[in-house]
Amino acid sequence: MPNRNEINDVLRKLEKDNPGFVDKLNDRSVNEIREIQSLLVGYRITNFFVKRDNETIPLADGTTKNIGGNRLIGFSYDMTLR
């Protein structure tokens, strides 16, 4: 089975080079990235989801404030045989 840490490193590098890029990825597009294809020999990624810190707090005027800063926490996905 492919190493999740290596796949996550590739995805984090893509996010660092182009902020917000990984949010646009879906199952099909994440499997088409060349660096990930070389790591996924015989497998494919399914149920891809980006986890971000979107913690909010209510303010006195009734609005909310994002205190999480929309930071990238990690990725959630499954690897299945092709």
PDB file of N, CA and C in Angstrom:
ATOM      1  N   MET A   1       0.847  -1.173   0.000  1.00  0.00           N
ATOM      2  CA  MET A   1       0.000   0.000   0.000  1.00  0.00           C
ATOM      3  C   MET A   1       0.899   1.246   0.000  1.00  0.00           C
ATOM      4  N   PRO A   2       0.522   2.263  -0.771  1.00  0.00           N
ATOM      5  CA  PRO A   2       1.304   3.497  -0.831  1.00  0.00           C
ATOM      6  C   PRO A   2       1.409   4.186   0.526  1.00  0.00           C
ATOM      7  N   ASN A   3       2.478   4.938   0.700  1.00  0.00           N
ATOM      8  CA  ASN A   3       2.727   5.643   1.947  1.00  0.00           C
ATOM      9  C   ASN A   3       1.907   6.941   1.982  1.00  0.00           C
ATOM     10  N   ARG A   4       1.006   7.060   2.948  1.00  0.00           N
ATOM     11  CA  ARG A   4       0.157   8.255   3.066  1.00  0.00           C
ATOM     12  C   ARG A   4       0.968   9.519   3.335  1.00  0.00           C
ATOM     13  N   ASN A   5       2.061   9.391   4.077  1.00  0.00           N
ATOM     14  CA  ASN A   5       2.867  10.569   4.392  1.00  0.00           C
ATOM     15  C   ASN A   5       3.463  11.185   3.128  1.00  0.00           C
ATOM     16  N   GLU A   6       3.906  10.359   2.194  1.00  0.00           N
ATOM     17  CA  GLU A   6       4.468  10.870   0.942  1.00  0.00           C
ATOM     18  C   GLU A   6       3.394  11.561   0.110  1.00  0.00           C
ATOM     19  N   ILE A   7       2.208  10.979   0.065  1.00  0.00           N
ATOM     20  CA  ILE A   7       1.100  11.595  -0.674  1.00  0.00           C
ATOM     21  C   ILE A   7       0.718  12.920  -0.030  1.00  0.00           C
ATOM     22  N   ASN A   8       0.623  12.948   1.289  1.00  0.00           N
ATOM     23  CA  ASN A   8       0.292  14.185   1.996  1.00  0.00           C
ATOM     24  C   ASN A   8       1.356  15.258   1.777  1.00  0.00           C
ATOM     25  N   ASP A   9       2.625  14.857   1.725  1.00  0.00           N
ATOM     26  CA  ASP A   9       3.711  15.818   1.465  1.00  0.00           C
ATOM     27  C   ASP A   9       3.562  16.459   0.089  1.00  0.00           C
ATOM     28  N   VAL A  10       3.210  15.648  -0.916  1.00  0.00           N
ATOM     29  CA  VAL A  10       3.001  16.188  -2.266  1.00  0.00           C
ATOM     30  C   VAL A  10       1.842  17.181  -2.258  1.00  0.00           C
ATOM     31  N   LEU A  11       0.750  16.829  -1.592  1.00  0.00           N
ATOM     32  CA  LEU A  11      -0.418  17.711  -1.539  1.00  0.00           C
ATOM     33  C   LEU A  11      -0.117  18.994  -0.762  1.00  0.00           C
ATOM     34  N   ARG A  12       0.629  18.886   0.323  1.00  0.00           N
ATOM     35  CA  ARG A  12       1.011  20.091   1.084  1.00  0.00           C
ATOM     36  C   ARG A  12       1.934  21.002   0.267  1.00  0.00           C
ATOM     37  N   LYS A  13       2.826  20.404  -0.521  1.00  0.00           N
ATOM     38  CA  LYS A  13       3.705  21.203  -1.376  1.00  0.00           C
ATOM     39  C   LYS A  13       2.885  21.945  -2.427  1.00  0.00           C
ATOM     40  N   LEU A  14       1.890  21.279  -3.009  1.00  0.00           N
ATOM     41  CA  LEU A  14       1.013  21.933  -3.975  1.00  0.00           C
ATOM     42  C   LEU A  14       0.262  23.092  -3.326  1.00  0.00           C
ATOM     43  N   GLU A  15      -0.192  22.897  -2.103  1.00  0.00           N
ATOM     44  CA  GLU A  15      -0.913  23.949  -1.379  1.00  0.00           C
ATOM     45  C   GLU A  15       0.018  25.121  -1.063  1.00  0.00           C
ATOM     46  N   LYS A  16       1.256  24.820  -0.718  1.00  0.00           N
ATOM     47  CA  LYS A  16       2.215  25.885  -0.397  1.00  0.00           C
ATOM     48  C   LYS A  16       2.540  26.719  -1.638  1.00  0.00           C
ATOM     49  N   ASP A  17       2.714  26.043  -2.786  1.00  0.00           N
ATOM     50  CA  ASP A  17       3.036  26.738  -4.028  1.00  0.00           C
ATOM     51  C   ASP A  17       1.859  27.546  -4.573  1.00  0.00           C
ATOM     52  N   ASN A  18       0.648  27.037  -4.367  1.00  0.00           N
ATOM     53  CA  ASN A  18      -0.548  27.683  -4.911  1.00  0.00           C
ATOM     54  C   ASN A  18      -1.673  27.574  -3.876  1.00  0.00           C
ATOM     55  N   PRO A  19      -1.756  28.524  -2.934  1.00  0.00           N
ATOM     56  CA  PRO A  19      -2.764  28.433  -1.865  1.00  0.00           C
ATOM     57  C   PRO A  19      -4.186  28.293  -2.413  1.00  0.00           C
ATOM     58  N   GLY A  20      -4.915  27.342  -1.854  1.00  0.00           N
ATOM     59  CA  GLY A  20      -6.294  27.093  -2.253  1.00  0.00           C
ATOM     60  C   GLY A  20      -6.435  26.080  -3.374  1.00  0.00           C
ATOM     61  N   PHE A  21      -5.333  25.642  -3.960  1.00  0.00           N
ATOM     62  CA  PHE A  21      -5.384  24.702  -5.082  1.00  0.00           C
ATOM     63  C   PHE A  21      -6.001  23.366  -4.681  1.00  0.00           C
ATOM     64  N   VAL A  22      -5.614  22.842  -3.535  1.00  0.00           N
ATOM     65  CA  VAL A  22      -6.105  21.518  -3.133  1.00  0.00           C
ATOM     66  C   VAL A  22      -7.597  21.529  -2.817  1.00  0.00           C
ATOM     67  N   ASP A  23      -8.160  22.698  -2.514  1.00  0.00           N
ATOM     68  CA  ASP A  23      -9.599  22.773  -2.250  1.00  0.00           C
ATOM     69  C   ASP A  23     -10.414  22.482  -3.504  1.00  0.00           C
ATOM     70  N   LYS A  24      -9.828  22.688  -4.665  1.00  0.00           N
ATOM     71  CA  LYS A  24     -10.520  22.486  -5.935  1.00  0.00           C
ATOM     72  C   LYS A  24     -10.431  21.054  -6.435  1.00  0.00           C
ATOM     73  N   LEU A  25      -9.618  20.225  -5.776  1.00  0.00           N
ATOM     74  CA  LEU A  25      -9.412  18.857  -6.238  1.00  0.00           C
ATOM     75  C   LEU A  25     -10.573  17.946  -5.850  1.00  0.00           C
ATOM     76  N   ASN A  26     -10.875  17.004  -6.734  1.00  0.00           N
ATOM     77  CA  ASN A  26     -11.844  15.955  -6.420  1.00  0.00           C
ATOM     78  C   ASN A  26     -11.148  14.607  -6.611  1.00  0.00           C
ATOM     79  N   ASP A  27     -11.864  13.526  -6.462  1.00  0.00           N
ATOM     80  CA  ASP A  27     -11.257  12.191  -6.549  1.00  0.00           C
ATOM     81  C   ASP A  27     -10.522  11.998  -7.873  1.00  0.00           C
ATOM     82  N   ARG A  28     -11.149  12.391  -8.953  1.00  0.00           N
ATOM     83  CA  ARG A  28     -10.561  12.178 -10.271  1.00  0.00           C
ATOM     84  C   ARG A  28      -9.315  13.039 -10.485  1.00  0.00           C
ATOM     85  N   SER A  29      -9.399  14.320 -10.147  1.00  0.00           N
ATOM     86  CA  SER A  29      -8.278  15.218 -10.416  1.00  0.00           C
ATOM     87  C   SER A  29      -7.071  14.931  -9.521  1.00  0.00           C
ATOM     88  N   VAL A  30      -7.284  14.486  -8.290  1.00  0.00           N
ATOM     89  CA  VAL A  30      -6.154  14.178  -7.417  1.00  0.00           C
ATOM     90  C   VAL A  30      -5.396  12.950  -7.931  1.00  0.00           C
ATOM     91  N   ASN A  31      -6.101  12.031  -8.558  1.00  0.00           N
ATOM     92  CA  ASN A  31      -5.451  10.845  -9.119  1.00  0.00           C
ATOM     93  C   ASN A  31      -4.697  11.149 -10.411  1.00  0.00           C
ATOM     94  N   GLU A  32      -4.936  12.303 -11.021  1.00  0.00           N
ATOM     95  CA  GLU A  32      -4.272  12.674 -12.266  1.00  0.00           C
ATOM     96  C   GLU A  32      -2.987  13.466 -12.052  1.00  0.00           C
ATOM     97  N   ILE A  33      -2.648  13.809 -10.823  1.00  0.00           N
ATOM     98  CA  ILE A  33      -1.408  14.531 -10.533  1.00  0.00           C
ATOM     99  C   ILE A  33      -0.243  13.555 -10.696  1.00  0.00           C
ATOM    100  N   ARG A  34       0.732  13.931 -11.512  1.00  0.00           N
ATOM    101  CA  ARG A  34       1.830  13.012 -11.864  1.00  0.00           C
ATOM    102  C   ARG A  34       2.591  12.489 -10.656  1.00  0.00           C
ATOM    103  N   GLU A  35       2.908  13.374  -9.715  1.00  0.00           N
ATOM    104  CA  GLU A  35       3.674  12.946  -8.545  1.00  0.00           C
ATOM    105  C   GLU A  35       2.902  11.913  -7.735  1.00  0.00           C
ATOM    106  N   ILE A  36       1.598  12.078  -7.676  1.00  0.00           N
ATOM    107  CA  ILE A  36       0.760  11.143  -6.919  1.00  0.00           C
ATOM    108  C   ILE A  36       0.569   9.848  -7.701  1.00  0.00           C
ATOM    109  N   GLN A  37       0.462   9.949  -9.014  1.00  0.00           N
ATOM    110  CA  GLN A  37       0.339   8.742  -9.834  1.00  0.00           C
ATOM    111  C   GLN A  37       1.516   7.803  -9.621  1.00  0.00           C
ATOM    112  N   SER A  38       2.714   8.374  -9.507  1.00  0.00           N
ATOM    113  CA  SER A  38       3.893   7.523  -9.328  1.00  0.00           C
ATOM    114  C   SER A  38       3.894   6.838  -7.957  1.00  0.00           C
ATOM    115  N   LEU A  39       3.216   7.430  -6.975  1.00  0.00           N
ATOM    116  CA  LEU A  39       3.132   6.827  -5.640  1.00  0.00           C
ATOM    117  C   LEU A  39       1.993   5.815  -5.532  1.00  0.00           C
ATOM    118  N   LEU A  40       1.007   5.925  -6.397  1.00  0.00           N
ATOM    119  CA  LEU A  40      -0.209   5.110  -6.295  1.00  0.00           C
ATOM    120  C   LEU A  40      -0.240   3.926  -7.250  1.00  0.00           C
ATOM    121  N   VAL A  41       0.876   3.326  -7.535  1.00  0.00           N
ATOM    122  CA  VAL A  41       0.905   2.218  -8.487  1.00  0.00           C
ATOM    123  C   VAL A  41      -0.034   1.112  -8.012  1.00  0.00           C
ATOM    124  N   GLY A  42      -1.065   0.837  -8.825  1.00  0.00           N
ATOM    125  CA  GLY A  42      -2.031  -0.206  -8.497  1.00  0.00           C
ATOM    126  C   GLY A  42      -3.165   0.247  -7.587  1.00  0.00           C
ATOM    127  N   TYR A  43      -3.137   1.489  -7.114  1.00  0.00           N
ATOM    128  CA  TYR A  43      -4.167   2.021  -6.227  1.00  0.00           C
ATOM    129  C   TYR A  43      -4.725   3.312  -6.801  1.00  0.00           C
ATOM    130  N   ARG A  44      -5.823   3.751  -6.233  1.00  0.00           N
ATOM    131  CA  ARG A  44      -6.373   5.064  -6.562  1.00  0.00           C
ATOM    132  C   ARG A  44      -6.971   5.667  -5.302  1.00  0.00           C
ATOM    133  N   ILE A  45      -7.054   6.988  -5.284  1.00  0.00           N
ATOM    134  CA  ILE A  45      -7.617   7.709  -4.139  1.00  0.00           C
ATOM    135  C   ILE A  45      -9.109   7.901  -4.363  1.00  0.00           C
ATOM    136  N   THR A  46      -9.892   7.614  -3.330  1.00  0.00           N
ATOM    137  CA  THR A  46     -11.334   7.850  -3.360  1.00  0.00           C
ATOM    138  C   THR A  46     -11.732   8.639  -2.117  1.00  0.00           C
ATOM    139  N   ASN A  47     -12.878   9.256  -2.154  1.00  0.00           N
ATOM    140  CA  ASN A  47     -13.440  10.021  -1.030  1.00  0.00           C
ATOM    141  C   ASN A  47     -12.480  11.109  -0.548  1.00  0.00           C
ATOM    142  N   PHE A  48     -11.885  11.857  -1.466  1.00  0.00           N
ATOM    143  CA  PHE A  48     -10.902  12.890  -1.125  1.00  0.00           C
ATOM    144  C   PHE A  48     -11.600  14.094  -0.504  1.00  0.00           C
ATOM    145  N   PHE A  49     -11.043  14.579   0.608  1.00  0.00           N
ATOM    146  CA  PHE A  49     -11.598  15.718   1.328  1.00  0.00           C
ATOM    147  C   PHE A  49     -10.459  16.489   1.988  1.00  0.00           C
ATOM    148  N   VAL A  50     -10.516  17.818   1.903  1.00  0.00           N
ATOM    149  CA  VAL A  50      -9.506  18.676   2.525  1.00  0.00           C
ATOM    150  C   VAL A  50     -10.041  19.147   3.867  1.00  0.00           C
ATOM    151  N   LYS A  51      -9.241  19.001   4.917  1.00  0.00           N
ATOM    152  CA  LYS A  51      -9.633  19.441   6.256  1.00  0.00           C
ATOM    153  C   LYS A  51      -8.975  20.780   6.552  1.00  0.00           C
ATOM    154  N   ARG A  52      -9.794  21.761   6.915  1.00  0.00           N
ATOM    155  CA  ARG A  52      -9.299  23.088   7.269  1.00  0.00           C
ATOM    156  C   ARG A  52      -9.837  23.486   8.635  1.00  0.00           C
ATOM    157  N   ASP A  53      -9.102  24.364   9.310  1.00  0.00           N
ATOM    158  CA  ASP A  53      -9.515  24.864  10.624  1.00  0.00           C
ATOM    159  C   ASP A  53     -10.414  26.079  10.411  1.00  0.00           C
ATOM    160  N   ASN A  54     -11.705  25.871  10.522  1.00  0.00           N
ATOM    161  CA  ASN A  54     -12.677  26.931  10.324  1.00  0.00           C
ATOM    162  C   ASN A  54     -13.418  27.253  11.619  1.00  0.00           C
ATOM    163  N   GLU A  55     -12.738  27.132  12.738  1.00  0.00           N
ATOM    164  CA  GLU A  55     -13.370  27.379  14.032  1.00  0.00           C
ATOM    165  C   GLU A  55     -13.815  28.840  14.122  1.00  0.00           C
ATOM    166  N   THR A  56     -15.049  29.041  14.541  1.00  0.00           N
ATOM    167  CA  THR A  56     -15.581  30.395  14.672  1.00  0.00           C
ATOM    168  C   THR A  56     -16.054  30.639  16.105  1.00  0.00           C
ATOM    169  N   ILE A  57     -16.133  31.908  16.475  1.00  0.00           N
ATOM    170  CA  ILE A  57     -16.688  32.294  17.773  1.00  0.00           C
ATOM    171  C   ILE A  57     -17.753  33.352  17.533  1.00  0.00           C
ATOM    172  N   PRO A  58     -18.816  33.331  18.321  1.00  0.00           N
ATOM    173  CA  PRO A  58     -19.850  34.363  18.166  1.00  0.00           C
ATOM    174  C   PRO A  58     -19.380  35.684  18.787  1.00  0.00           C
ATOM    175  N   LEU A  59     -19.721  36.774  18.126  1.00  0.00           N
ATOM    176  CA  LEU A  59     -19.404  38.100  18.637  1.00  0.00           C
ATOM    177  C   LEU A  59     -20.651  38.726  19.240  1.00  0.00           C
ATOM    178  N   ALA A  60     -20.476  39.794  20.000  1.00  0.00           N
ATOM    179  CA  ALA A  60     -21.585  40.439  20.710  1.00  0.00           C
ATOM    180  C   ALA A  60     -22.639  40.992  19.753  1.00  0.00           C
ATOM    181  N   ASP A  61     -22.242  41.394  18.550  1.00  0.00           N
ATOM    182  CA  ASP A  61     -23.212  41.970  17.612  1.00  0.00           C
ATOM    183  C   ASP A  61     -23.985  40.920  16.823  1.00  0.00           C
ATOM    184  N   GLY A  62     -23.794  39.638  17.151  1.00  0.00           N
ATOM    185  CA  GLY A  62     -24.543  38.567  16.511  1.00  0.00           C
ATOM    186  C   GLY A  62     -23.820  37.924  15.342  1.00  0.00           C
ATOM    187  N   THR A  63     -22.694  38.463  14.916  1.00  0.00           N
ATOM    188  CA  THR A  63     -21.925  37.872  13.828  1.00  0.00           C
ATOM    189  C   THR A  63     -20.923  36.871  14.404  1.00  0.00           C
ATOM    190  N   THR A  64     -20.208  36.228  13.528  1.00  0.00           N
ATOM    191  CA  THR A  64     -19.191  35.284  13.971  1.00  0.00           C
ATOM    192  C   THR A  64     -17.835  35.692  13.395  1.00  0.00           C
ATOM    193  N   LYS A  65     -16.796  35.268  14.068  1.00  0.00           N
ATOM    194  CA  LYS A  65     -15.436  35.553  13.628  1.00  0.00           C
ATOM    195  C   LYS A  65     -14.696  34.233  13.483  1.00  0.00           C
ATOM    196  N   ASN A  66     -14.001  34.067  12.363  1.00  0.00           N
ATOM    197  CA  ASN A  66     -13.224  32.863  12.111  1.00  0.00           C
ATOM    198  C   ASN A  66     -11.893  32.996  12.843  1.00  0.00           C
ATOM    199  N   ILE A  67     -11.711  32.198  13.896  1.00  0.00           N
ATOM    200  CA  ILE A  67     -10.454  32.245  14.648  1.00  0.00           C
ATOM    201  C   ILE A  67      -9.501  31.143  14.206  1.00  0.00           C
ATOM    202  N   GLY A  68      -9.987  30.245  13.369  1.00  0.00           N
ATOM    203  CA  GLY A  68      -9.151  29.150  12.877  1.00  0.00           C
ATOM    204  C   GLY A  68      -8.217  29.583  11.773  1.00  0.00           C
ATOM    205  N   GLY A  69      -8.534  30.689  11.131  1.00  0.00           N
ATOM    206  CA  GLY A  69      -7.671  31.200  10.074  1.00  0.00           C
ATOM    207  C   GLY A  69      -7.692  30.378   8.797  1.00  0.00           C
ATOM    208  N   ASN A  70      -8.612  29.430   8.685  1.00  0.00           N
ATOM    209  CA  ASN A  70      -8.736  28.594   7.498  1.00  0.00           C
ATOM    210  C   ASN A  70      -7.437  27.841   7.185  1.00  0.00           C
ATOM    211  N   ARG A  71      -6.690  27.498   8.238  1.00  0.00           N
ATOM    212  CA  ARG A  71      -5.432  26.761   8.077  1.00  0.00           C
ATOM    213  C   ARG A  71      -5.685  25.345   7.579  1.00  0.00           C
ATOM    214  N   LEU A  72      -4.752  24.851   6.798  1.00  0.00           N
ATOM    215  CA  LEU A  72      -4.823  23.479   6.320  1.00  0.00           C
ATOM    216  C   LEU A  72      -4.447  22.538   7.458  1.00  0.00           C
ATOM    217  N   ILE A  73      -5.352  21.643   7.808  1.00  0.00           N
ATOM    218  CA  ILE A  73      -5.087  20.660   8.859  1.00  0.00           C
ATOM    219  C   ILE A  73      -4.576  19.363   8.252  1.00  0.00           C
ATOM    220  N   GLY A  74      -5.216  18.923   7.195  1.00  0.00           N
ATOM    221  CA  GLY A  74      -4.794  17.671   6.573  1.00  0.00           C
ATOM    222  C   GLY A  74      -5.759  17.239   5.488  1.00  0.00           C
ATOM    223  N   PHE A  75      -5.656  15.980   5.125  1.00  0.00           N
ATOM    224  CA  PHE A  75      -6.459  15.427   4.047  1.00  0.00           C
ATOM    225  C   PHE A  75      -7.096  14.127   4.511  1.00  0.00           C
ATOM    226  N   SER A  76      -8.275  13.878   4.011  1.00  0.00           N
ATOM    227  CA  SER A  76      -8.963  12.628   4.307  1.00  0.00           C
ATOM    228  C   SER A  76      -9.243  11.940   2.975  1.00  0.00           C
ATOM    229  N   TYR A  77      -8.838  10.686   2.859  1.00  0.00           N
ATOM    230  CA  TYR A  77      -9.094   9.925   1.645  1.00  0.00           C
ATOM    231  C   TYR A  77      -8.888   8.446   1.917  1.00  0.00           C
ATOM    232  N   ASP A  78      -9.437   7.656   1.036  1.00  0.00           N
ATOM    233  CA  ASP A  78      -9.262   6.212   1.080  1.00  0.00           C
ATOM    234  C   ASP A  78      -8.431   5.809  -0.133  1.00  0.00           C
ATOM    235  N   MET A  79      -7.703   4.718  -0.017  1.00  0.00           N
ATOM    236  CA  MET A  79      -6.969   4.169  -1.149  1.00  0.00           C
ATOM    237  C   MET A  79      -7.533   2.799  -1.465  1.00  0.00           C
ATOM    238  N   THR A  80      -7.982   2.638  -2.708  1.00  0.00           N
ATOM    239  CA  THR A  80      -8.563   1.369  -3.128  1.00  0.00           C
ATOM    240  C   THR A  80      -7.764   0.819  -4.292  1.00  0.00           C
ATOM    241  N   LEU A  81      -7.845  -0.481  -4.467  1.00  0.00           N
ATOM    242  CA  LEU A  81      -7.184  -1.121  -5.614  1.00  0.00           C
ATOM    243  C   LEU A  81      -7.862  -0.678  -6.891  1.00  0.00           C
ATOM    244  N   ARG A  82      -7.065  -0.513  -7.943  1.00  0.00           N
ATOM    245  CA  ARG A  82      -7.627  -0.144  -9.254  1.00  0.00           C
ATOM    246  C   ARG A  82      -8.402  -1.275  -9.833  1.00  0.00           C
TER     247      ARG A  82
END
